[in-house]
Amino acid sequence: MNIKHLLIACLLLITGTIASAQTASPGSPGDDRGYTVKVGDQAPSDFELQLADGTTTSLKALRGKVVILQFTASWCSVCRQEMPHLEKDVWQAYKDKGLVLIGVDRDEPLEKVKHFHQEMNISYPLALDPGADIFGRFANKKSGVTRNVVINKEGKIVYLTRLYDTQEFSSMLKAVDALVNNKTASL
């Protein structure tokens, strides 16, 4: 009888933990989802982004613009699902309003990244991330891709996503719109 009660208690504890993890809101305390940074942190900026077209940039050079780093890879099916939405709803909507969207391709060679860019039919740039070193400045390297880091004009992280969830993506779009249109009260 005692073992039965112990098993029931363990089952309830596990169920409660899983439910709690699934209902945490994006960016909420204790909901790191593999991130090593959190909303409100100054974004790490001690790296350069080498774009697939051969040019380079950095978060320091992009200060004064709203920046989204989209961590991705060609082998990632969820990334492929999200990318058309990033192209249409973020890049095309805000690229002329001071927003920069850069896909950071995790640890793949230049030719594969160029092919991925063309295959996905996106116009926002992709950057190389050999060894996932840039990814490692934002998340645990053992964590998966399909994540967006939204950085405000002052270089602070204001929104973090993980995987592609339509509700979370919609919330991110509202945050991006507020940032681009200087509506800080709605953040």
C-alpha atoms as a PDB file:
ATOM      1  CA  MET A   1       0.000   0.000   0.000  1.00  0.00           C
ATOM      2  CA  ASN A   2       2.828   2.455   0.828  1.00  0.00           C
ATOM      3  CA  ILE A   3       4.521   1.793  -2.514  1.00  0.00           C
ATOM      4  CA  LYS A   4       1.240   2.518  -4.302  1.00  0.00           C
ATOM      5  CA  HIS A   5       0.932   5.896  -2.536  1.00  0.00           C
ATOM      6  CA  LEU A   6       4.569   6.699  -3.266  1.00  0.00           C
ATOM      7  CA  LEU A   7       4.081   5.936  -6.967  1.00  0.00           C
ATOM      8  CA  ILE A   8       0.949   8.096  -7.104  1.00  0.00           C
ATOM      9  CA  ALA A   9       2.772  10.969  -5.382  1.00  0.00           C
ATOM     10  CA  CYS A  10       5.684  10.668  -7.830  1.00  0.00           C
ATOM     11  CA  LEU A  11       3.302  10.588 -10.789  1.00  0.00           C
ATOM     12  CA  LEU A  12       1.521  13.727  -9.556  1.00  0.00           C
ATOM     13  CA  LEU A  13       4.839  15.497  -9.020  1.00  0.00           C
ATOM     14  CA  ILE A  14       6.062  14.628 -12.516  1.00  0.00           C
ATOM     15  CA  THR A  15       2.744  15.633 -14.102  1.00  0.00           C
ATOM     16  CA  GLY A  16       2.771  18.953 -12.237  1.00  0.00           C
ATOM     17  CA  THR A  17       6.341  19.675 -13.302  1.00  0.00           C
ATOM     18  CA  ILE A  18       5.561  18.956 -16.960  1.00  0.00           C
ATOM     19  CA  ALA A  19       2.397  21.069 -16.878  1.00  0.00           C
ATOM     20  CA  SER A  20       4.272  23.929 -15.246  1.00  0.00           C
ATOM     21  CA  ALA A  21       7.011  23.821 -17.879  1.00  0.00           C
ATOM     22  CA  GLN A  22       4.474  23.818 -20.703  1.00  0.00           C
ATOM     23  CA  THR A  23       2.482  26.777 -19.403  1.00  0.00           C
ATOM     24  CA  ALA A  24       5.357  29.160 -18.666  1.00  0.00           C
ATOM     25  CA  SER A  25       5.126  32.261 -20.803  1.00  0.00           C
ATOM     26  CA  PRO A  26       7.923  33.149 -23.242  1.00  0.00           C
ATOM     27  CA  GLY A  27      10.843  34.802 -21.556  1.00  0.00           C
ATOM     28  CA  SER A  28       9.422  34.285 -18.074  1.00  0.00           C
ATOM     29  CA  PRO A  29      11.846  33.719 -15.175  1.00  0.00           C
ATOM     30  CA  GLY A  30      12.878  30.094 -14.878  1.00  0.00           C
ATOM     31  CA  ASP A  31      11.864  29.405 -18.478  1.00  0.00           C
ATOM     32  CA  ASP A  32      15.297  29.448 -20.111  1.00  0.00           C
ATOM     33  CA  ARG A  33      14.498  26.730 -22.689  1.00  0.00           C
ATOM     34  CA  GLY A  34      18.222  26.221 -23.186  1.00  0.00           C
ATOM     35  CA  TYR A  35      19.079  29.908 -23.214  1.00  0.00           C
ATOM     36  CA  THR A  36      22.031  31.221 -21.241  1.00  0.00           C
ATOM     37  CA  VAL A  37      20.739  34.790 -21.655  1.00  0.00           C
ATOM     38  CA  LYS A  38      17.412  36.244 -20.587  1.00  0.00           C
ATOM     39  CA  VAL A  39      15.090  39.095 -21.458  1.00  0.00           C
ATOM     40  CA  GLY A  40      16.580  42.327 -20.104  1.00  0.00           C
ATOM     41  CA  ASP A  41      20.199  41.231 -20.570  1.00  0.00           C
ATOM     42  CA  GLN A  42      22.560  43.195 -22.753  1.00  0.00           C
ATOM     43  CA  ALA A  43      23.052  40.983 -25.822  1.00  0.00           C
ATOM     44  CA  PRO A  44      26.527  39.482 -26.150  1.00  0.00           C
ATOM     45  CA  SER A  45      28.294  41.495 -28.849  1.00  0.00           C
ATOM     46  CA  ASP A  46      31.859  40.194 -28.779  1.00  0.00           C
ATOM     47  CA  PHE A  47      31.644  38.489 -32.187  1.00  0.00           C
ATOM     48  CA  GLU A  48      31.360  39.222 -35.891  1.00  0.00           C
ATOM     49  CA  LEU A  49      28.734  37.812 -38.185  1.00  0.00           C
ATOM     50  CA  GLN A  50      30.168  36.635 -41.493  1.00  0.00           C
ATOM     51  CA  LEU A  51      27.305  36.657 -43.957  1.00  0.00           C
ATOM     52  CA  ALA A  52      27.053  34.087 -46.739  1.00  0.00           C
ATOM     53  CA  ASP A  53      27.663  36.847 -49.316  1.00  0.00           C
ATOM     54  CA  GLY A  54      31.119  37.466 -47.789  1.00  0.00           C
ATOM     55  CA  THR A  55      30.332  40.679 -45.912  1.00  0.00           C
ATOM     56  CA  THR A  56      30.639  40.987 -42.156  1.00  0.00           C
ATOM     57  CA  THR A  57      28.734  42.862 -39.502  1.00  0.00           C
ATOM     58  CA  SER A  58      28.353  42.834 -35.731  1.00  0.00           C
ATOM     59  CA  LEU A  59      25.799  43.716 -33.099  1.00  0.00           C
ATOM     60  CA  LYS A  60      27.963  46.719 -32.233  1.00  0.00           C
ATOM     61  CA  ALA A  61      27.739  47.926 -35.851  1.00  0.00           C
ATOM     62  CA  LEU A  62      23.975  47.378 -35.820  1.00  0.00           C
ATOM     63  CA  ARG A  63      23.361  49.384 -32.631  1.00  0.00           C
ATOM     64  CA  GLY A  64      20.491  51.797 -33.227  1.00  0.00           C
ATOM     65  CA  LYS A  65      18.506  49.175 -35.148  1.00  0.00           C
ATOM     66  CA  VAL A  66      16.139  46.471 -33.967  1.00  0.00           C
ATOM     67  CA  VAL A  67      17.944  43.171 -34.599  1.00  0.00           C
ATOM     68  CA  ILE A  68      16.607  39.644 -34.723  1.00  0.00           C
ATOM     69  CA  LEU A  69      19.059  36.772 -34.713  1.00  0.00           C
ATOM     70  CA  GLN A  70      17.322  33.636 -35.974  1.00  0.00           C
ATOM     71  CA  PHE A  71      19.311  30.532 -35.059  1.00  0.00           C
ATOM     72  CA  THR A  72      18.749  27.947 -37.770  1.00  0.00           C
ATOM     73  CA  ALA A  73      20.213  25.042 -39.762  1.00  0.00           C
ATOM     74  CA  SER A  74      19.370  23.355 -43.045  1.00  0.00           C
ATOM     75  CA  TRP A  75      18.637  20.029 -41.330  1.00  0.00           C
ATOM     76  CA  CYS A  76      16.086  21.605 -38.972  1.00  0.00           C
ATOM     77  CA  SER A  77      12.486  20.923 -40.094  1.00  0.00           C
ATOM     78  CA  VAL A  78      10.990  23.376 -37.578  1.00  0.00           C
ATOM     79  CA  CYS A  79      13.348  26.111 -38.843  1.00  0.00           C
ATOM     80  CA  ARG A  80      12.131  25.422 -42.367  1.00  0.00           C
ATOM     81  CA  GLN A  81       8.532  25.749 -41.165  1.00  0.00           C
ATOM     82  CA  GLU A  82       9.242  29.104 -39.487  1.00  0.00           C
ATOM     83  CA  MET A  83      11.436  30.742 -42.141  1.00  0.00           C
ATOM     84  CA  PRO A  84       8.676  31.662 -44.644  1.00  0.00           C
ATOM     85  CA  HIS A  85       6.858  33.457 -41.804  1.00  0.00           C
ATOM     86  CA  LEU A  86      10.013  35.325 -40.809  1.00  0.00           C
ATOM     87  CA  GLU A  87      10.509  36.328 -44.449  1.00  0.00           C
ATOM     88  CA  LYS A  88       6.949  37.586 -44.955  1.00  0.00           C
ATOM     89  CA  ASP A  89       5.819  38.815 -41.538  1.00  0.00           C
ATOM     90  CA  VAL A  90       9.106  40.202 -40.220  1.00  0.00           C
ATOM     91  CA  TRP A  91      11.662  40.865 -42.947  1.00  0.00           C
ATOM     92  CA  GLN A  92       9.383  42.115 -45.714  1.00  0.00           C
ATOM     93  CA  ALA A  93       7.224  44.067 -43.260  1.00  0.00           C
ATOM     94  CA  TYR A  94      10.028  45.838 -41.358  1.00  0.00           C
ATOM     95  CA  LYS A  95      13.283  45.772 -43.343  1.00  0.00           C
ATOM     96  CA  ASP A  96      12.730  49.367 -44.499  1.00  0.00           C
ATOM     97  CA  LYS A  97      11.880  50.542 -40.974  1.00  0.00           C
ATOM     98  CA  GLY A  98      15.201  49.990 -39.207  1.00  0.00           C
ATOM     99  CA  LEU A  99      14.954  46.253 -38.527  1.00  0.00           C
ATOM    100  CA  VAL A 100      17.714  43.753 -39.318  1.00  0.00           C
ATOM    101  CA  LEU A 101      16.966  40.024 -39.450  1.00  0.00           C
ATOM    102  CA  ILE A 102      19.913  37.669 -39.747  1.00  0.00           C
ATOM    103  CA  GLY A 103      19.635  33.909 -39.841  1.00  0.00           C
ATOM    104  CA  VAL A 104      22.618  32.414 -38.022  1.00  0.00           C
ATOM    105  CA  ASP A 105      23.235  28.984 -39.548  1.00  0.00           C
ATOM    106  CA  ARG A 106      24.607  26.565 -36.997  1.00  0.00           C
ATOM    107  CA  ASP A 107      27.906  24.963 -37.949  1.00  0.00           C
ATOM    108  CA  GLU A 108      27.388  24.330 -41.666  1.00  0.00           C
ATOM    109  CA  PRO A 109      29.815  25.107 -44.510  1.00  0.00           C
ATOM    110  CA  LEU A 110      29.364  28.104 -46.805  1.00  0.00           C
ATOM    111  CA  GLU A 111      28.127  26.139 -49.836  1.00  0.00           C
ATOM    112  CA  LYS A 112      25.469  24.351 -47.777  1.00  0.00           C
ATOM    113  CA  VAL A 113      24.327  27.691 -46.276  1.00  0.00           C
ATOM    114  CA  LYS A 114      24.097  29.278 -49.740  1.00  0.00           C
ATOM    115  CA  HIS A 115      22.065  26.316 -51.029  1.00  0.00           C
ATOM    116  CA  PHE A 116      19.798  26.464 -47.951  1.00  0.00           C
ATOM    117  CA  HIS A 117      19.240  30.205 -48.494  1.00  0.00           C
ATOM    118  CA  GLN A 118      18.261  29.632 -52.116  1.00  0.00           C
ATOM    119  CA  GLU A 119      16.147  26.555 -51.367  1.00  0.00           C
ATOM    120  CA  MET A 120      14.149  28.406 -48.689  1.00  0.00           C
ATOM    121  CA  ASN A 121      13.541  31.326 -51.061  1.00  0.00           C
ATOM    122  CA  ILE A 122      14.314  33.926 -48.407  1.00  0.00           C
ATOM    123  CA  SER A 123      15.866  37.326 -48.962  1.00  0.00           C
ATOM    124  CA  TYR A 124      17.105  38.058 -45.441  1.00  0.00           C
ATOM    125  CA  PRO A 125      20.782  37.232 -44.983  1.00  0.00           C
ATOM    126  CA  LEU A 126      22.224  34.087 -43.452  1.00  0.00           C
ATOM    127  CA  ALA A 127      25.444  34.150 -41.432  1.00  0.00           C
ATOM    128  CA  LEU A 128      27.906  31.357 -40.784  1.00  0.00           C
ATOM    129  CA  ASP A 129      28.408  30.029 -37.271  1.00  0.00           C
ATOM    130  CA  PRO A 130      31.354  27.596 -37.344  1.00  0.00           C
ATOM    131  CA  GLY A 131      31.484  25.488 -34.210  1.00  0.00           C
ATOM    132  CA  ALA A 132      28.203  27.100 -33.075  1.00  0.00           C
ATOM    133  CA  ASP A 133      30.306  29.721 -31.277  1.00  0.00           C
ATOM    134  CA  ILE A 134      27.761  32.524 -31.772  1.00  0.00           C
ATOM    135  CA  PHE A 135      24.922  30.198 -30.781  1.00  0.00           C
ATOM    136  CA  GLY A 136      26.897  29.353 -27.625  1.00  0.00           C
ATOM    137  CA  ARG A 137      26.880  32.998 -26.550  1.00  0.00           C
ATOM    138  CA  PHE A 138      23.066  32.859 -26.315  1.00  0.00           C
ATOM    139  CA  ALA A 139      22.206  29.241 -25.532  1.00  0.00           C
ATOM    140  CA  ASN A 140      23.704  26.037 -24.280  1.00  0.00           C
ATOM    141  CA  LYS A 141      25.417  24.412 -27.263  1.00  0.00           C
ATOM    142  CA  LYS A 142      23.595  21.156 -26.491  1.00  0.00           C
ATOM    143  CA  SER A 143      20.279  22.961 -27.044  1.00  0.00           C
ATOM    144  CA  GLY A 144      18.503  22.938 -30.373  1.00  0.00           C
ATOM    145  CA  VAL A 145      18.120  25.655 -32.960  1.00  0.00           C
ATOM    146  CA  THR A 146      14.865  27.250 -34.073  1.00  0.00           C
ATOM    147  CA  ARG A 147      15.095  30.203 -31.774  1.00  0.00           C
ATOM    148  CA  ASN A 148      14.869  33.952 -32.250  1.00  0.00           C
ATOM    149  CA  VAL A 149      16.598  36.591 -30.167  1.00  0.00           C
ATOM    150  CA  VAL A 150      15.014  40.043 -30.509  1.00  0.00           C
ATOM    151  CA  ILE A 151      17.380  42.860 -29.568  1.00  0.00           C
ATOM    152  CA  ASN A 152      16.309  46.487 -29.151  1.00  0.00           C
ATOM    153  CA  LYS A 153      18.098  49.573 -30.501  1.00  0.00           C
ATOM    154  CA  GLU A 154      20.143  49.847 -27.285  1.00  0.00           C
ATOM    155  CA  GLY A 155      21.407  46.264 -27.575  1.00  0.00           C
ATOM    156  CA  LYS A 156      19.194  44.682 -24.911  1.00  0.00           C
ATOM    157  CA  ILE A 157      17.378  41.388 -25.379  1.00  0.00           C
ATOM    158  CA  VAL A 158      13.634  42.012 -25.361  1.00  0.00           C
ATOM    159  CA  TYR A 159      12.173  38.731 -26.612  1.00  0.00           C
ATOM    160  CA  LEU A 160      13.245  35.097 -26.902  1.00  0.00           C
ATOM    161  CA  THR A 161      11.495  32.322 -28.803  1.00  0.00           C
ATOM    162  CA  ARG A 162      12.052  28.583 -28.972  1.00  0.00           C
ATOM    163  CA  LEU A 163      10.710  26.321 -31.699  1.00  0.00           C
ATOM    164  CA  TYR A 164       7.902  27.606 -33.902  1.00  0.00           C
ATOM    165  CA  ASP A 165       4.712  28.181 -31.992  1.00  0.00           C
ATOM    166  CA  THR A 166       2.143  30.376 -33.768  1.00  0.00           C
ATOM    167  CA  GLN A 167       1.009  32.052 -30.543  1.00  0.00           C
ATOM    168  CA  GLU A 168       4.571  32.828 -29.467  1.00  0.00           C
ATOM    169  CA  PHE A 169       5.419  34.015 -33.001  1.00  0.00           C
ATOM    170  CA  SER A 170       2.408  36.346 -32.928  1.00  0.00           C
ATOM    171  CA  SER A 171       3.547  37.775 -29.575  1.00  0.00           C
ATOM    172  CA  MET A 172       7.028  38.265 -30.985  1.00  0.00           C
ATOM    173  CA  LEU A 173       5.543  40.149 -33.955  1.00  0.00           C
ATOM    174  CA  LYS A 174       3.718  42.503 -31.578  1.00  0.00           C
ATOM    175  CA  ALA A 175       6.962  43.132 -29.699  1.00  0.00           C
ATOM    176  CA  VAL A 176       8.837  43.767 -32.965  1.00  0.00           C
ATOM    177  CA  ASP A 177       6.138  46.150 -34.190  1.00  0.00           C
ATOM    178  CA  ALA A 178       6.266  48.075 -30.916  1.00  0.00           C
ATOM    179  CA  LEU A 179      10.060  48.321 -31.081  1.00  0.00           C
ATOM    180  CA  VAL A 180      10.197  49.400 -34.711  1.00  0.00           C
ATOM    181  CA  ASN A 181       7.419  51.953 -34.213  1.00  0.00           C
ATOM    182  CA  ASN A 182       8.784  53.200 -30.873  1.00  0.00           C
ATOM    183  CA  LYS A 183       5.744  52.042 -28.891  1.00  0.00           C
ATOM    184  CA  THR A 184       7.661  51.145 -25.730  1.00  0.00           C
ATOM    185  CA  ALA A 185       4.541  51.319 -23.565  1.00  0.00           C
ATOM    186  CA  SER A 186       3.142  48.171 -25.198  1.00  0.00           C
ATOM    187  CA  LEU A 187       6.230  46.087 -24.396  1.00  0.00           C
END
